[in-house]
C-alpha atoms as a PDB file:
ATOM      1  CA  MET A   1      35.795  93.629 -71.462  1.00  0.00           C
ATOM      2  CA  LYS A   2      38.115  91.321 -69.768  1.00  0.00           C
ATOM      3  CA  THR A   3      37.486  88.385 -67.257  1.00  0.00           C
ATOM      4  CA  ASN A   4      38.472  90.428 -64.335  1.00  0.00           C
ATOM      5  CA  GLU A   5      36.498  93.593 -65.263  1.00  0.00           C
ATOM      6  CA  ILE A   6      33.445  91.356 -65.521  1.00  0.00           C
ATOM      7  CA  ILE A   7      34.120  89.950 -62.197  1.00  0.00           C
ATOM      8  CA  ASP A   8      34.625  93.162 -60.730  1.00  0.00           C
ATOM      9  CA  LYS A   9      31.523  94.363 -61.996  1.00  0.00           C
ATOM     10  CA  LEU A  10      29.451  91.581 -60.806  1.00  0.00           C
ATOM     11  CA  LYS A  11      31.183  91.849 -57.424  1.00  0.00           C
ATOM     12  CA  ASN A  12      30.117  95.635 -56.972  1.00  0.00           C
ATOM     13  CA  SER A  13      26.676  94.797 -58.620  1.00  0.00           C
ATOM     14  CA  GLU A  14      23.007  94.433 -57.029  1.00  0.00           C
ATOM     15  CA  LEU A  15      22.754  91.255 -59.111  1.00  0.00           C
ATOM     16  CA  TYR A  16      21.310  88.211 -57.638  1.00  0.00           C
ATOM     17  CA  ALA A  17      21.835  84.668 -58.883  1.00  0.00           C
ATOM     18  CA  GLU A  18      19.877  81.315 -58.587  1.00  0.00           C
ATOM     19  CA  CYS A  19      21.401  78.408 -57.410  1.00  0.00           C
ATOM     20  CA  PRO A  20      20.659  74.894 -59.194  1.00  0.00           C
ATOM     21  CA  CYS A  21      19.601  73.609 -55.739  1.00  0.00           C
ATOM     22  CA  GLY A  22      16.954  76.274 -55.593  1.00  0.00           C
ATOM     23  CA  GLY A  23      18.101  79.192 -53.614  1.00  0.00           C
ATOM     24  CA  GLU A  24      18.775  82.914 -54.532  1.00  0.00           C
ATOM     25  CA  PHE A  25      22.099  84.949 -53.388  1.00  0.00           C
ATOM     26  CA  LYS A  26      23.613  88.533 -54.164  1.00  0.00           C
ATOM     27  CA  LEU A  27      26.781  88.140 -56.462  1.00  0.00           C
ATOM     28  CA  SER A  28      28.431  90.564 -53.857  1.00  0.00           C
ATOM     29  CA  ASP A  29      28.235  88.035 -51.422  1.00  0.00           C
ATOM     30  CA  VAL A  30      30.177  85.088 -52.978  1.00  0.00           C
ATOM     31  CA  ILE A  31      33.362  84.579 -53.975  1.00  0.00           C
ATOM     32  CA  LEU A  32      33.761  85.091 -57.976  1.00  0.00           C
ATOM     33  CA  PHE A  33      36.999  83.945 -59.484  1.00  0.00           C
ATOM     34  CA  ASP A  34      38.348  83.461 -63.059  1.00  0.00           C
ATOM     35  CA  GLY A  35      38.326  79.496 -63.149  1.00  0.00           C
ATOM     36  CA  THR A  36      40.664  79.451 -66.202  1.00  0.00           C
ATOM     37  CA  LYS A  37      43.329  80.665 -63.358  1.00  0.00           C
ATOM     38  CA  PRO A  38      44.756  78.760 -60.625  1.00  0.00           C
ATOM     39  CA  PHE A  39      42.111  79.279 -57.531  1.00  0.00           C
ATOM     40  CA  PRO A  40      42.412  82.022 -55.026  1.00  0.00           C
ATOM     41  CA  PRO A  41      43.464  80.920 -51.361  1.00  0.00           C
ATOM     42  CA  GLU A  42      40.065  81.468 -49.956  1.00  0.00           C
ATOM     43  CA  VAL A  43      38.490  79.044 -52.891  1.00  0.00           C
ATOM     44  CA  LYS A  44      41.188  76.352 -51.875  1.00  0.00           C
ATOM     45  CA  GLU A  45      39.862  76.497 -48.287  1.00  0.00           C
ATOM     46  CA  VAL A  46      36.161  76.235 -49.355  1.00  0.00           C
ATOM     47  CA  GLN A  47      37.310  73.435 -52.062  1.00  0.00           C
ATOM     48  CA  GLU A  48      39.146  71.274 -49.030  1.00  0.00           C
ATOM     49  CA  ARG A  49      36.009  71.889 -46.526  1.00  0.00           C
ATOM     50  CA  TYR A  50      33.557  70.325 -49.188  1.00  0.00           C
ATOM     51  CA  GLU A  51      36.185  67.628 -49.987  1.00  0.00           C
ATOM     52  CA  GLU A  52      36.610  66.904 -46.523  1.00  0.00           C
ATOM     53  CA  GLU A  53      32.501  67.115 -45.751  1.00  0.00           C
ATOM     54  CA  LEU A  54      32.520  64.430 -48.844  1.00  0.00           C
ATOM     55  CA  LYS A  55      34.673  62.095 -47.307  1.00  0.00           C
ATOM     56  CA  GLN A  56      32.743  62.063 -43.890  1.00  0.00           C
ATOM     57  CA  ARG A  57      29.748  61.590 -45.921  1.00  0.00           C
ATOM     58  CA  GLU A  58      30.802  58.931 -47.817  1.00  0.00           C
ATOM     59  CA  ALA A  59      32.407  57.387 -44.606  1.00  0.00           C
ATOM     60  CA  ASP A  60      28.864  57.554 -42.832  1.00  0.00           C
ATOM     61  CA  LEU A  61      27.246  56.083 -45.986  1.00  0.00           C
ATOM     62  CA  GLU A  62      29.603  53.207 -45.988  1.00  0.00           C
ATOM     63  CA  LYS A  63      29.031  52.844 -42.042  1.00  0.00           C
ATOM     64  CA  SER A  64      25.408  52.900 -42.624  1.00  0.00           C
ATOM     65  CA  ARG A  65      25.424  50.339 -45.593  1.00  0.00           C
ATOM     66  CA  LYS A  66      27.213  47.908 -43.368  1.00  0.00           C
ATOM     67  CA  LEU A  67      24.739  48.281 -40.545  1.00  0.00           C
ATOM     68  CA  ALA A  68      21.755  47.840 -42.834  1.00  0.00           C
ATOM     69  CA  THR A  69      23.688  44.690 -44.330  1.00  0.00           C
ATOM     70  CA  GLU A  70      24.332  43.589 -40.851  1.00  0.00           C
ATOM     71  CA  ARG A  71      20.629  44.125 -39.530  1.00  0.00           C
ATOM     72  CA  ALA A  72      19.248  42.398 -42.536  1.00  0.00           C
ATOM     73  CA  THR A  73      21.457  39.357 -42.211  1.00  0.00           C
ATOM     74  CA  ILE A  74      20.433  39.441 -38.324  1.00  0.00           C
ATOM     75  CA  THR A  75      16.776  39.903 -39.156  1.00  0.00           C
ATOM     76  CA  THR A  76      17.088  37.124 -42.015  1.00  0.00           C
ATOM     77  CA  THR A  77      18.511  34.412 -39.608  1.00  0.00           C
ATOM     78  CA  ALA A  78      15.929  35.335 -37.000  1.00  0.00           C
ATOM     79  CA  VAL A  79      13.280  34.882 -39.350  1.00  0.00           C
ATOM     80  CA  ASN A  80      14.344  31.495 -40.505  1.00  0.00           C
ATOM     81  CA  ILE A  81      15.006  30.220 -37.150  1.00  0.00           C
ATOM     82  CA  GLY A  82      11.302  31.552 -36.039  1.00  0.00           C
ATOM     83  CA  LYS A  83       9.892  29.748 -39.097  1.00  0.00           C
ATOM     84  CA  ASN A  84      11.587  26.651 -38.135  1.00  0.00           C
ATOM     85  CA  LEU A  85      11.014  26.724 -34.346  1.00  0.00           C
ATOM     86  CA  GLU A  86       7.072  27.618 -35.063  1.00  0.00           C
ATOM     87  CA  LYS A  87       6.806  24.131 -36.223  1.00  0.00           C
ATOM     88  CA  VAL A  88       8.519  22.316 -33.312  1.00  0.00           C
ATOM     89  CA  LEU A  89       7.083  24.638 -30.519  1.00  0.00           C
ATOM     90  CA  PRO A  90       4.136  22.681 -30.078  1.00  0.00           C
ATOM     91  CA  THR A  91       6.199  19.613 -28.858  1.00  0.00           C
ATOM     92  CA  MET A  92       7.795  21.817 -26.099  1.00  0.00           C
ATOM     93  CA  ASP A  93       6.948  21.395 -22.473  1.00  0.00           C
ATOM     94  CA  ASP A  94       5.447  24.626 -21.662  1.00  0.00           C
ATOM     95  CA  PHE A  95       3.116  24.814 -24.845  1.00  0.00           C
ATOM     96  CA  LYS A  96      -0.323  25.137 -23.214  1.00  0.00           C
ATOM     97  CA  TRP A  97      -2.371  23.664 -25.831  1.00  0.00           C
ATOM     98  CA  GLN A  98      -2.951  19.929 -26.495  1.00  0.00           C
ATOM     99  CA  LEU A  99      -0.632  19.049 -29.571  1.00  0.00           C
ATOM    100  CA  PRO A 100      -3.457  16.496 -31.238  1.00  0.00           C
ATOM    101  CA  ASP A 101      -5.703  19.890 -31.206  1.00  0.00           C
ATOM    102  CA  CYS A 102      -3.179  21.831 -33.105  1.00  0.00           C
ATOM    103  CA  ARG A 103      -3.282  22.557 -36.887  1.00  0.00           C
ATOM    104  CA  PHE A 104      -0.111  24.508 -38.605  1.00  0.00           C
ATOM    105  CA  LEU A 105      -1.316  27.177 -40.899  1.00  0.00           C
ATOM    106  CA  GLY A 106       1.882  28.934 -41.403  1.00  0.00           C
ATOM    107  CA  ASN A 107       0.517  32.328 -42.719  1.00  0.00           C
ATOM    108  CA  PRO A 108      -0.809  34.320 -41.908  1.00  0.00           C
ATOM    109  CA  ILE A 109      -1.293  32.774 -38.432  1.00  0.00           C
ATOM    110  CA  ASP A 110       1.168  29.891 -37.133  1.00  0.00           C
ATOM    111  CA  LEU A 111      -1.286  27.573 -35.611  1.00  0.00           C
ATOM    112  CA  ILE A 112      -5.167  27.087 -34.951  1.00  0.00           C
ATOM    113  CA  THR A 113      -5.962  25.024 -32.376  1.00  0.00           C
ATOM    114  CA  PHE A 114      -9.656  23.223 -31.792  1.00  0.00           C
ATOM    115  CA  ASN A 115      -9.363  23.204 -28.035  1.00  0.00           C
ATOM    116  CA  GLY A 116     -10.900  19.923 -26.836  1.00  0.00           C
ATOM    117  CA  CYS A 117     -11.011  18.045 -30.471  1.00  0.00           C
ATOM    118  CA  CYS A 118      -8.870  15.108 -29.236  1.00  0.00           C
ATOM    119  CA  GLN A 119     -11.436  14.553 -26.472  1.00  0.00           C
ATOM    120  CA  ASN A 120     -14.219  14.871 -28.729  1.00  0.00           C
ATOM    121  CA  LYS A 121     -15.721  17.748 -27.286  1.00  0.00           C
ATOM    122  CA  ILE A 122     -14.523  21.011 -28.761  1.00  0.00           C
ATOM    123  CA  GLU A 123     -14.695  23.929 -26.291  1.00  0.00           C
ATOM    124  CA  SER A 124     -13.139  26.844 -28.154  1.00  0.00           C
ATOM    125  CA  ILE A 125     -10.956  27.432 -31.204  1.00  0.00           C
ATOM    126  CA  SER A 126      -7.802  29.600 -30.540  1.00  0.00           C
ATOM    127  CA  PHE A 127      -5.452  31.252 -33.322  1.00  0.00           C
ATOM    128  CA  ILE A 128      -2.045  31.122 -32.073  1.00  0.00           C
ATOM    129  CA  GLU A 129       0.792  33.513 -33.412  1.00  0.00           C
ATOM    130  CA  ILE A 130       3.960  32.623 -32.165  1.00  0.00           C
ATOM    131  CA  LYS A 131       6.409  35.623 -31.626  1.00  0.00           C
ATOM    132  CA  SER A 132       9.771  36.384 -29.915  1.00  0.00           C
ATOM    133  CA  GLY A 133      12.021  38.925 -29.034  1.00  0.00           C
ATOM    134  CA  LYS A 134      11.059  42.213 -30.515  1.00  0.00           C
ATOM    135  CA  ALA A 135       9.025  40.375 -33.242  1.00  0.00           C
ATOM    136  CA  ARG A 136       5.697  42.298 -33.999  1.00  0.00           C
ATOM    137  CA  LEU A 137       2.390  41.028 -35.639  1.00  0.00           C
ATOM    138  CA  ASN A 138       2.484  42.186 -39.249  1.00  0.00           C
ATOM    139  CA  LYS A 139      -0.743  43.838 -41.118  1.00  0.00           C
ATOM    140  CA  ASN A 140      -2.293  40.487 -41.913  1.00  0.00           C
ATOM    141  CA  GLN A 141      -1.980  39.253 -38.451  1.00  0.00           C
ATOM    142  CA  ARG A 142      -3.270  42.312 -36.952  1.00  0.00           C
ATOM    143  CA  GLN A 143      -6.238  42.192 -38.880  1.00  0.00           C
ATOM    144  CA  VAL A 144      -7.028  38.446 -37.865  1.00  0.00           C
ATOM    145  CA  ARG A 145      -6.579  39.400 -34.680  1.00  0.00           C
ATOM    146  CA  ASP A 146      -8.968  42.157 -34.910  1.00  0.00           C
ATOM    147  CA  ALA A 147     -11.319  40.138 -36.693  1.00  0.00           C
ATOM    148  CA  VAL A 148     -11.477  37.658 -33.959  1.00  0.00           C
ATOM    149  CA  GLN A 149     -11.737  40.344 -31.303  1.00  0.00           C
ATOM    150  CA  ASP A 150     -14.631  41.899 -32.990  1.00  0.00           C
ATOM    151  CA  LYS A 151     -16.193  38.673 -33.436  1.00  0.00           C
ATOM    152  CA  LYS A 152     -16.480  38.760 -37.110  1.00  0.00           C
ATOM    153  CA  VAL A 153     -15.492  34.808 -37.426  1.00  0.00           C
ATOM    154  CA  LEU A 154     -17.830  32.970 -39.635  1.00  0.00           C
ATOM    155  CA  PHE A 155     -18.445  28.841 -40.349  1.00  0.00           C
ATOM    156  CA  GLU A 156     -19.591  27.865 -43.457  1.00  0.00           C
ATOM    157  CA  VAL A 157     -20.349  24.815 -45.306  1.00  0.00           C
ATOM    158  CA  PHE A 158     -19.483  24.600 -48.911  1.00  0.00           C
END
């Protein structure tokens, strides 16, 4: 049986095929052709559409990659600037805690202040996390906040 005869029988059949991507389709609903000969015009059109779609996807992917790289660079710069500012922030005029009462921790919370320590009268202790812009507390910082709010703070002597 010749290739054209096989293709004609398949086109007129009730047979289904399974796509490697998971779906089933009826063979009579698709373009069947002899791949050893030049593509029929309708197949060329489909091929050109797929090639255009592929080019668009590649362009979108490149754009997304550039945006991700730019965002990562901006975020890294902001984090690095923030880490340095955390260290000098207590010396700024609008910092409401007494500098001698502050102790820099850095992680997971930036500062702890023993309010009144410099006057030999500690009235409270404050955990201070410095954030700017759209920065949010990370998981550990939220857990510290929650422990303080839930009064799960202990004092122990070792």
